[in-house]
Amino acid sequence: MSCVYDVEKNLIFTGGHEGSLLAWHFETGFSKYSLHEKDKSCTSEDYVRESKSVDCLVIMQEIRLLMSGSSDGYIRFWDLKDLSKEQPLIFKMHVDHDNEDSLTAIACTNDCNRLITGCTGGRIKCWDLSKVSLRDDADPMKKMRVSWYIQAHKKDGKGSINSLHIVENYASISDKFVVSAAQDNNILLHRMSNGVKVGQFNQEHLWQIKNLAPYEGRRPNLVREWFKKKKEIWKAMLDEKIEKARKAG
């Protein structure tokens, strides 16, 4: 199960293994809303065959949306401004992690411009939402971009991501950081800007987080299949640009 507290509405949101998403009044302990009843696609009649358990919940305070991450690979965005309306679900997206890995963890920056997703395959993906309006865009996915996609922990379920956290505004450092904890008993620190691994907590050598110069030359452990596709896209864009310049000249 998972839970998160919304101080503005004074509600506790809980997600269950069978796909339920309930909003409980904090002062009384009684259920006030049942959100997934309004979206039948995210409940599961057969938990073993098609598990859609709600494994992570995050509130995007800046834009007043509730994100629920389910093991069916979808993140659903719920309108916290009015949960009583007939359809508070405004958008859902598939995170498209490889090998049919289940979504296990999500996190977002305070300004809601970056979204981080983790899966059972030990991979972490960084989404750029800076040009997206989740409320107003007809198809927000068209404006979303994947900044990086890394193999952070062990594969094959041994490094399944248990939780993600974003560290912002630390000691006036311009970059942000992603902390990931997984079933391989490792807690790692990555740079938000490029996915580069800073280190592992309890490693032999100390890191100097205020001096990022030693990490400038490092490369992130990108997922090969994703990086290959990205290079093909870059090449196609470059070829198109060259062709346009040739015709113009």
C-alpha atoms as a PDB file:
ATOM      1  CA  MET A   1       0.000   0.000   0.000  1.00  0.00           C
ATOM      2  CA  SER A   2       0.951   3.661  -0.216  1.00  0.00           C
ATOM      3  CA  CYS A   3      -0.186   6.930   1.340  1.00  0.00           C
ATOM      4  CA  VAL A   4       0.312  10.698   1.176  1.00  0.00           C
ATOM      5  CA  TYR A   5      -1.106  13.661   3.121  1.00  0.00           C
ATOM      6  CA  ASP A   6      -2.526  16.799   1.514  1.00  0.00           C
ATOM      7  CA  VAL A   7      -2.337  19.645   4.041  1.00  0.00           C
ATOM      8  CA  GLU A   8      -4.541  21.966   1.978  1.00  0.00           C
ATOM      9  CA  LYS A   9      -7.494  19.545   1.833  1.00  0.00           C
ATOM     10  CA  ASN A  10      -6.644  17.864   5.158  1.00  0.00           C
ATOM     11  CA  LEU A  11      -6.964  14.487   3.467  1.00  0.00           C
ATOM     12  CA  ILE A  12      -4.952  11.281   3.631  1.00  0.00           C
ATOM     13  CA  PHE A  13      -4.817   9.438   0.303  1.00  0.00           C
ATOM     14  CA  THR A  14      -4.201   5.698   0.378  1.00  0.00           C
ATOM     15  CA  GLY A  15      -3.611   3.249  -2.453  1.00  0.00           C
ATOM     16  CA  GLY A  16      -4.327  -0.474  -2.217  1.00  0.00           C
ATOM     17  CA  HIS A  17      -3.009  -3.631  -3.856  1.00  0.00           C
ATOM     18  CA  GLU A  18      -6.339  -4.182  -5.632  1.00  0.00           C
ATOM     19  CA  GLY A  19      -6.255  -0.781  -7.324  1.00  0.00           C
ATOM     20  CA  SER A  20      -8.254   1.266  -4.839  1.00  0.00           C
ATOM     21  CA  LEU A  21      -7.464   4.947  -4.251  1.00  0.00           C
ATOM     22  CA  LEU A  22      -9.252   6.461  -1.263  1.00  0.00           C
ATOM     23  CA  ALA A  23      -9.248   9.921   0.289  1.00  0.00           C
ATOM     24  CA  TRP A  24      -9.756   9.898   4.068  1.00  0.00           C
ATOM     25  CA  HIS A  25     -10.675  12.893   6.204  1.00  0.00           C
ATOM     26  CA  PHE A  26      -7.774  13.340   8.632  1.00  0.00           C
ATOM     27  CA  GLU A  27      -9.878  14.551  11.586  1.00  0.00           C
ATOM     28  CA  THR A  28     -12.551  11.836  11.420  1.00  0.00           C
ATOM     29  CA  GLY A  29     -10.813   8.866   9.810  1.00  0.00           C
ATOM     30  CA  PHE A  30     -13.774   8.309   7.471  1.00  0.00           C
ATOM     31  CA  SER A  31     -13.512   7.844   3.729  1.00  0.00           C
ATOM     32  CA  LYS A  32     -14.558  10.923   1.744  1.00  0.00           C
ATOM     33  CA  TYR A  33     -13.765  10.017  -1.872  1.00  0.00           C
ATOM     34  CA  SER A  34     -13.110   6.824  -3.829  1.00  0.00           C
ATOM     35  CA  LEU A  35     -11.248   8.021  -6.901  1.00  0.00           C
ATOM     36  CA  HIS A  36     -10.605   4.816  -8.779  1.00  0.00           C
ATOM     37  CA  GLU A  37     -14.315   4.027  -8.862  1.00  0.00           C
ATOM     38  CA  LYS A  38     -14.454   6.866 -11.407  1.00  0.00           C
ATOM     39  CA  ASP A  39     -11.855   5.226 -13.652  1.00  0.00           C
ATOM     40  CA  LYS A  40     -12.560   1.520 -14.117  1.00  0.00           C
ATOM     41  CA  SER A  41      -9.361   1.033 -16.125  1.00  0.00           C
ATOM     42  CA  CYS A  42      -7.187   1.249 -13.021  1.00  0.00           C
ATOM     43  CA  THR A  43      -8.954  -1.282 -10.808  1.00  0.00           C
ATOM     44  CA  SER A  44      -8.120  -4.963 -11.046  1.00  0.00           C
ATOM     45  CA  GLU A  45     -10.645  -7.788 -10.846  1.00  0.00           C
ATOM     46  CA  ASP A  46      -7.865 -10.342 -10.968  1.00  0.00           C
ATOM     47  CA  TYR A  47      -4.938  -9.166  -8.852  1.00  0.00           C
ATOM     48  CA  VAL A  48      -2.624 -12.051  -9.761  1.00  0.00           C
ATOM     49  CA  ARG A  49      -3.226 -11.892 -13.521  1.00  0.00           C
ATOM     50  CA  GLU A  50      -3.269  -8.104 -14.039  1.00  0.00           C
ATOM     51  CA  SER A  51      -2.069  -6.392 -10.892  1.00  0.00           C
ATOM     52  CA  LYS A  52      -2.801  -2.674 -10.879  1.00  0.00           C
ATOM     53  CA  SER A  53      -1.873  -2.000  -7.281  1.00  0.00           C
ATOM     54  CA  VAL A  54      -1.292   1.633  -6.327  1.00  0.00           C
ATOM     55  CA  ASP A  55       2.334   1.541  -5.185  1.00  0.00           C
ATOM     56  CA  CYS A  56       3.204   5.244  -5.027  1.00  0.00           C
ATOM     57  CA  LEU A  57       1.418   8.532  -4.420  1.00  0.00           C
ATOM     58  CA  VAL A  58       2.834  12.050  -4.844  1.00  0.00           C
ATOM     59  CA  ILE A  59       1.149  15.443  -4.603  1.00  0.00           C
ATOM     60  CA  MET A  60       2.212  18.079  -7.125  1.00  0.00           C
ATOM     61  CA  GLN A  61       1.542  21.068  -4.878  1.00  0.00           C
ATOM     62  CA  GLU A  62       2.462  23.745  -7.403  1.00  0.00           C
ATOM     63  CA  ILE A  63      -0.299  22.683  -9.819  1.00  0.00           C
ATOM     64  CA  ARG A  64      -2.569  20.882  -7.313  1.00  0.00           C
ATOM     65  CA  LEU A  65      -2.548  17.429  -8.832  1.00  0.00           C
ATOM     66  CA  LEU A  66      -2.296  14.016  -7.196  1.00  0.00           C
ATOM     67  CA  MET A  67      -0.139  11.443  -8.996  1.00  0.00           C
ATOM     68  CA  SER A  68      -0.895   7.776  -8.426  1.00  0.00           C
ATOM     69  CA  GLY A  69       1.589   5.260  -9.788  1.00  0.00           C
ATOM     70  CA  SER A  70       0.286   1.757 -10.439  1.00  0.00           C
ATOM     71  CA  SER A  71       2.022  -1.482 -11.269  1.00  0.00           C
ATOM     72  CA  ASP A  72       0.249  -1.527 -14.634  1.00  0.00           C
ATOM     73  CA  GLY A  73       2.855   1.062 -15.665  1.00  0.00           C
ATOM     74  CA  TYR A  74       0.528   4.059 -15.608  1.00  0.00           C
ATOM     75  CA  ILE A  75       0.686   7.323 -13.701  1.00  0.00           C
ATOM     76  CA  ARG A  76      -2.720   8.889 -13.225  1.00  0.00           C
ATOM     77  CA  PHE A  77      -3.130  12.593 -12.519  1.00  0.00           C
ATOM     78  CA  TRP A  78      -6.096  13.580 -10.333  1.00  0.00           C
ATOM     79  CA  ASP A  79      -7.492  17.089  -9.914  1.00  0.00           C
ATOM     80  CA  LEU A  80      -7.135  18.101  -6.252  1.00  0.00           C
ATOM     81  CA  LYS A  81      -9.007  21.337  -6.863  1.00  0.00           C
ATOM     82  CA  ASP A  82     -12.295  19.456  -7.138  1.00  0.00           C
ATOM     83  CA  LEU A  83     -12.383  15.769  -6.205  1.00  0.00           C
ATOM     84  CA  SER A  84     -16.172  15.749  -6.038  1.00  0.00           C
ATOM     85  CA  LYS A  85     -16.719  16.199  -9.778  1.00  0.00           C
ATOM     86  CA  GLU A  86     -17.764  13.256 -11.894  1.00  0.00           C
ATOM     87  CA  GLN A  87     -14.312  12.754 -13.454  1.00  0.00           C
ATOM     88  CA  PRO A  88     -11.403  14.094 -11.365  1.00  0.00           C
ATOM     89  CA  LEU A  89      -8.931  12.106 -13.498  1.00  0.00           C
ATOM     90  CA  ILE A  90      -7.498  14.603 -15.991  1.00  0.00           C
ATOM     91  CA  PHE A  91      -4.744  12.558 -17.633  1.00  0.00           C
ATOM     92  CA  LYS A  92      -2.856   9.262 -17.512  1.00  0.00           C
ATOM     93  CA  MET A  93       0.471   8.277 -19.051  1.00  0.00           C
ATOM     94  CA  HIS A  94       2.390   5.035 -19.475  1.00  0.00           C
ATOM     95  CA  VAL A  95       5.989   5.365 -18.275  1.00  0.00           C
ATOM     96  CA  ASP A  96       7.237   2.821 -20.832  1.00  0.00           C
ATOM     97  CA  HIS A  97       9.960   1.130 -18.801  1.00  0.00           C
ATOM     98  CA  ASP A  98      11.420  -1.870 -20.625  1.00  0.00           C
ATOM     99  CA  ASN A  99      10.836  -5.616 -20.282  1.00  0.00           C
ATOM    100  CA  GLU A 100       7.331  -5.100 -18.904  1.00  0.00           C
ATOM    101  CA  ASP A 101       8.810  -3.935 -15.606  1.00  0.00           C
ATOM    102  CA  SER A 102       6.294  -2.585 -13.117  1.00  0.00           C
ATOM    103  CA  LEU A 103       6.292   1.028 -11.992  1.00  0.00           C
ATOM    104  CA  THR A 104       7.348   1.137  -8.333  1.00  0.00           C
ATOM    105  CA  ALA A 105       8.330   4.723  -7.451  1.00  0.00           C
ATOM    106  CA  ILE A 106       7.741   8.311  -8.576  1.00  0.00           C
ATOM    107  CA  ALA A 107       8.951  11.752  -7.492  1.00  0.00           C
ATOM    108  CA  CYS A 108       8.724  15.289  -8.862  1.00  0.00           C
ATOM    109  CA  THR A 109      10.476  18.603  -8.328  1.00  0.00           C
ATOM    110  CA  ASN A 110       8.813  21.404  -6.364  1.00  0.00           C
ATOM    111  CA  ASP A 111       8.115  23.350  -9.551  1.00  0.00           C
ATOM    112  CA  CYS A 112       6.650  20.206 -11.183  1.00  0.00           C
ATOM    113  CA  ASN A 113       8.974  20.572 -14.191  1.00  0.00           C
ATOM    114  CA  ARG A 114      10.756  17.246 -13.685  1.00  0.00           C
ATOM    115  CA  LEU A 115       9.234  13.834 -13.037  1.00  0.00           C
ATOM    116  CA  ILE A 116      11.302  10.808 -11.956  1.00  0.00           C
ATOM    117  CA  THR A 117      10.054   7.234 -12.350  1.00  0.00           C
ATOM    118  CA  GLY A 118      11.564   3.949 -11.135  1.00  0.00           C
ATOM    119  CA  CYS A 119      10.705   0.318 -11.853  1.00  0.00           C
ATOM    120  CA  THR A 120      11.273  -3.292 -10.819  1.00  0.00           C
ATOM    121  CA  GLY A 121      14.105  -3.528 -13.366  1.00  0.00           C
ATOM    122  CA  GLY A 122      16.282  -1.066 -11.415  1.00  0.00           C
ATOM    123  CA  ARG A 123      15.918   1.664 -14.045  1.00  0.00           C
ATOM    124  CA  ILE A 124      15.245   5.359 -13.465  1.00  0.00           C
ATOM    125  CA  LYS A 125      13.781   7.725 -16.042  1.00  0.00           C
ATOM    126  CA  CYS A 126      13.767  11.531 -15.928  1.00  0.00           C
ATOM    127  CA  TRP A 127      10.892  13.304 -17.690  1.00  0.00           C
ATOM    128  CA  ASP A 128      10.963  16.973 -18.711  1.00  0.00           C
ATOM    129  CA  LEU A 129       7.518  18.504 -18.116  1.00  0.00           C
ATOM    130  CA  SER A 130       8.610  22.148 -18.401  1.00  0.00           C
ATOM    131  CA  LYS A 131       6.670  22.740 -21.627  1.00  0.00           C
ATOM    132  CA  VAL A 132       3.595  20.754 -20.610  1.00  0.00           C
ATOM    133  CA  SER A 133       0.263  21.904 -19.227  1.00  0.00           C
ATOM    134  CA  LEU A 134      -1.295  18.786 -17.779  1.00  0.00           C
ATOM    135  CA  ARG A 135      -4.626  20.546 -17.332  1.00  0.00           C
ATOM    136  CA  ASP A 136      -4.910  22.333 -20.676  1.00  0.00           C
ATOM    137  CA  ASP A 137      -2.995  20.350 -23.311  1.00  0.00           C
ATOM    138  CA  ALA A 138      -5.121  17.950 -25.343  1.00  0.00           C
ATOM    139  CA  ASP A 139      -2.241  15.450 -25.467  1.00  0.00           C
ATOM    140  CA  PRO A 140       0.467  16.310 -22.887  1.00  0.00           C
ATOM    141  CA  MET A 141       2.635  13.383 -24.019  1.00  0.00           C
ATOM    142  CA  LYS A 142       3.453  15.234 -27.256  1.00  0.00           C
ATOM    143  CA  LYS A 143       5.310  17.910 -25.288  1.00  0.00           C
ATOM    144  CA  MET A 144       6.996  15.596 -22.780  1.00  0.00           C
ATOM    145  CA  ARG A 145      10.648  14.709 -23.247  1.00  0.00           C
ATOM    146  CA  VAL A 146      12.780  12.032 -21.578  1.00  0.00           C
ATOM    147  CA  SER A 147      15.977  13.767 -20.423  1.00  0.00           C
ATOM    148  CA  TRP A 148      17.760  10.553 -19.457  1.00  0.00           C
ATOM    149  CA  TYR A 149      17.069   6.881 -18.754  1.00  0.00           C
ATOM    150  CA  ILE A 150      19.623   4.985 -16.673  1.00  0.00           C
ATOM    151  CA  GLN A 151      20.260   1.508 -15.334  1.00  0.00           C
ATOM    152  CA  ALA A 152      20.754   2.632 -11.741  1.00  0.00           C
ATOM    153  CA  HIS A 153      20.459  -0.632  -9.807  1.00  0.00           C
ATOM    154  CA  LYS A 154      20.642  -4.366 -10.544  1.00  0.00           C
ATOM    155  CA  LYS A 155      18.416  -5.863 -13.230  1.00  0.00           C
ATOM    156  CA  ASP A 156      15.898  -8.718 -13.155  1.00  0.00           C
ATOM    157  CA  GLY A 157      14.051  -7.593 -10.037  1.00  0.00           C
ATOM    158  CA  LYS A 158      17.114  -7.816  -7.797  1.00  0.00           C
ATOM    159  CA  GLY A 159      17.451  -4.028  -7.826  1.00  0.00           C
ATOM    160  CA  SER A 160      13.786  -3.082  -7.879  1.00  0.00           C
ATOM    161  CA  ILE A 161      13.422   0.596  -6.961  1.00  0.00           C
ATOM    162  CA  ASN A 162      11.648   0.970  -3.618  1.00  0.00           C
ATOM    163  CA  SER A 163      11.643   4.751  -3.333  1.00  0.00           C
ATOM    164  CA  LEU A 164      12.846   7.956  -5.008  1.00  0.00           C
ATOM    165  CA  HIS A 165      13.493  11.358  -3.511  1.00  0.00           C
ATOM    166  CA  ILE A 166      14.606  14.653  -5.067  1.00  0.00           C
ATOM    167  CA  VAL A 167      16.978  16.944  -3.149  1.00  0.00           C
ATOM    168  CA  GLU A 168      16.684  20.599  -4.168  1.00  0.00           C
ATOM    169  CA  ASN A 169      18.330  23.898  -3.189  1.00  0.00           C
ATOM    170  CA  TYR A 170      21.120  22.278  -1.190  1.00  0.00           C
ATOM    171  CA  ALA A 171      23.853  24.740  -0.141  1.00  0.00           C
ATOM    172  CA  SER A 172      23.126  27.006  -3.125  1.00  0.00           C
ATOM    173  CA  ILE A 173      24.223  24.264  -5.560  1.00  0.00           C
ATOM    174  CA  SER A 174      22.636  24.853  -8.966  1.00  0.00           C
ATOM    175  CA  ASP A 175      22.030  21.168  -9.688  1.00  0.00           C
ATOM    176  CA  LYS A 176      19.401  18.965  -8.068  1.00  0.00           C
ATOM    177  CA  PHE A 177      19.913  15.366  -6.952  1.00  0.00           C
ATOM    178  CA  VAL A 178      17.961  12.106  -7.096  1.00  0.00           C
ATOM    179  CA  VAL A 179      18.226   9.600  -4.243  1.00  0.00           C
ATOM    180  CA  SER A 180      17.169   6.041  -5.088  1.00  0.00           C
ATOM    181  CA  ALA A 181      16.730   3.139  -2.676  1.00  0.00           C
ATOM    182  CA  ALA A 182      16.355  -0.411  -4.023  1.00  0.00           C
ATOM    183  CA  GLN A 183      16.022  -4.058  -3.049  1.00  0.00           C
ATOM    184  CA  ASP A 184      19.716  -4.632  -3.765  1.00  0.00           C
ATOM    185  CA  ASN A 185      20.297  -2.844  -0.411  1.00  0.00           C
ATOM    186  CA  ASN A 186      21.922   0.126  -2.117  1.00  0.00           C
ATOM    187  CA  ILE A 187      21.022   3.790  -1.780  1.00  0.00           C
ATOM    188  CA  LEU A 188      22.464   5.858  -4.626  1.00  0.00           C
ATOM    189  CA  LEU A 189      22.826   9.560  -5.367  1.00  0.00           C
ATOM    190  CA  HIS A 190      22.523  10.876  -8.940  1.00  0.00           C
ATOM    191  CA  ARG A 191      22.713  14.300 -10.508  1.00  0.00           C
ATOM    192  CA  MET A 192      19.345  15.505 -11.775  1.00  0.00           C
ATOM    193  CA  SER A 193      20.812  17.369 -14.762  1.00  0.00           C
ATOM    194  CA  ASN A 194      22.301  14.308 -16.491  1.00  0.00           C
ATOM    195  CA  GLY A 195      21.708  11.139 -14.433  1.00  0.00           C
ATOM    196  CA  VAL A 196      25.386  10.783 -13.518  1.00  0.00           C
ATOM    197  CA  LYS A 197      25.969   8.712 -10.395  1.00  0.00           C
ATOM    198  CA  VAL A 198      27.641  10.683  -7.609  1.00  0.00           C
ATOM    199  CA  GLY A 199      28.057   7.692  -5.352  1.00  0.00           C
ATOM    200  CA  GLN A 200      26.598   5.144  -2.977  1.00  0.00           C
ATOM    201  CA  PHE A 201      25.788   5.892   0.615  1.00  0.00           C
ATOM    202  CA  ASN A 202      28.252   4.146   2.954  1.00  0.00           C
ATOM    203  CA  GLN A 203      30.839   3.806   0.184  1.00  0.00           C
ATOM    204  CA  GLU A 204      34.524   3.603   1.120  1.00  0.00           C
ATOM    205  CA  HIS A 205      35.462   7.090  -0.087  1.00  0.00           C
ATOM    206  CA  LEU A 206      33.653  10.280   0.877  1.00  0.00           C
ATOM    207  CA  TRP A 207      32.166  12.461  -1.836  1.00  0.00           C
ATOM    208  CA  GLN A 208      32.373  16.251  -1.811  1.00  0.00           C
ATOM    209  CA  ILE A 209      28.887  17.283  -2.815  1.00  0.00           C
ATOM    210  CA  LYS A 210      29.723  20.999  -2.862  1.00  0.00           C
ATOM    211  CA  ASN A 211      32.376  20.403  -5.509  1.00  0.00           C
ATOM    212  CA  LEU A 212      30.842  18.785  -8.596  1.00  0.00           C
ATOM    213  CA  ALA A 213      33.927  19.260 -10.783  1.00  0.00           C
ATOM    214  CA  PRO A 214      35.116  15.629 -10.373  1.00  0.00           C
ATOM    215  CA  TYR A 215      31.804  14.427 -11.848  1.00  0.00           C
ATOM    216  CA  GLU A 216      31.820  16.613 -14.955  1.00  0.00           C
ATOM    217  CA  GLY A 217      33.695  14.018 -17.001  1.00  0.00           C
ATOM    218  CA  ARG A 218      31.553  11.072 -15.940  1.00  0.00           C
ATOM    219  CA  ARG A 219      28.924   9.525 -18.172  1.00  0.00           C
ATOM    220  CA  PRO A 220      25.588   8.244 -16.938  1.00  0.00           C
ATOM    221  CA  ASN A 221      24.865   4.515 -17.206  1.00  0.00           C
ATOM    222  CA  LEU A 222      22.242   5.016 -19.906  1.00  0.00           C
ATOM    223  CA  VAL A 223      19.931   2.189 -20.953  1.00  0.00           C
ATOM    224  CA  ARG A 224      21.505   1.045 -24.232  1.00  0.00           C
ATOM    225  CA  GLU A 225      18.299   0.428 -26.161  1.00  0.00           C
ATOM    226  CA  TRP A 226      16.945   3.869 -25.288  1.00  0.00           C
ATOM    227  CA  PHE A 227      20.225   5.641 -26.107  1.00  0.00           C
ATOM    228  CA  LYS A 228      20.441   3.842 -29.458  1.00  0.00           C
ATOM    229  CA  LYS A 229      16.960   5.034 -30.410  1.00  0.00           C
ATOM    230  CA  LYS A 230      17.797   8.541 -29.264  1.00  0.00           C
ATOM    231  CA  LYS A 231      20.918   8.635 -31.459  1.00  0.00           C
ATOM    232  CA  GLU A 232      18.849   7.495 -34.444  1.00  0.00           C
ATOM    233  CA  ILE A 233      16.415  10.358 -33.820  1.00  0.00           C
ATOM    234  CA  TRP A 234      19.287  12.844 -33.562  1.00  0.00           C
ATOM    235  CA  LYS A 235      20.758  11.559 -36.830  1.00  0.00           C
ATOM    236  CA  ALA A 236      17.410  11.834 -38.604  1.00  0.00           C
ATOM    237  CA  MET A 237      16.965  15.410 -37.367  1.00  0.00           C
ATOM    238  CA  LEU A 238      20.493  16.329 -38.489  1.00  0.00           C
ATOM    239  CA  ASP A 239      19.965  14.763 -41.924  1.00  0.00           C
ATOM    240  CA  GLU A 240      16.709  16.699 -42.298  1.00  0.00           C
ATOM    241  CA  LYS A 241      18.441  19.940 -41.333  1.00  0.00           C
ATOM    242  CA  ILE A 242      21.256  19.324 -43.833  1.00  0.00           C
ATOM    243  CA  GLU A 243      18.760  18.539 -46.575  1.00  0.00           C
ATOM    244  CA  LYS A 244      16.797  21.728 -45.923  1.00  0.00           C
ATOM    245  CA  ALA A 245      20.022  23.760 -46.006  1.00  0.00           C
ATOM    246  CA  ARG A 246      21.018  22.114 -49.301  1.00  0.00           C
ATOM    247  CA  LYS A 247      17.688  22.941 -50.920  1.00  0.00           C
ATOM    248  CA  ALA A 248      17.770  26.505 -49.607  1.00  0.00           C
ATOM    249  CA  GLY A 249      21.278  27.015 -50.929  1.00  0.00           C
END
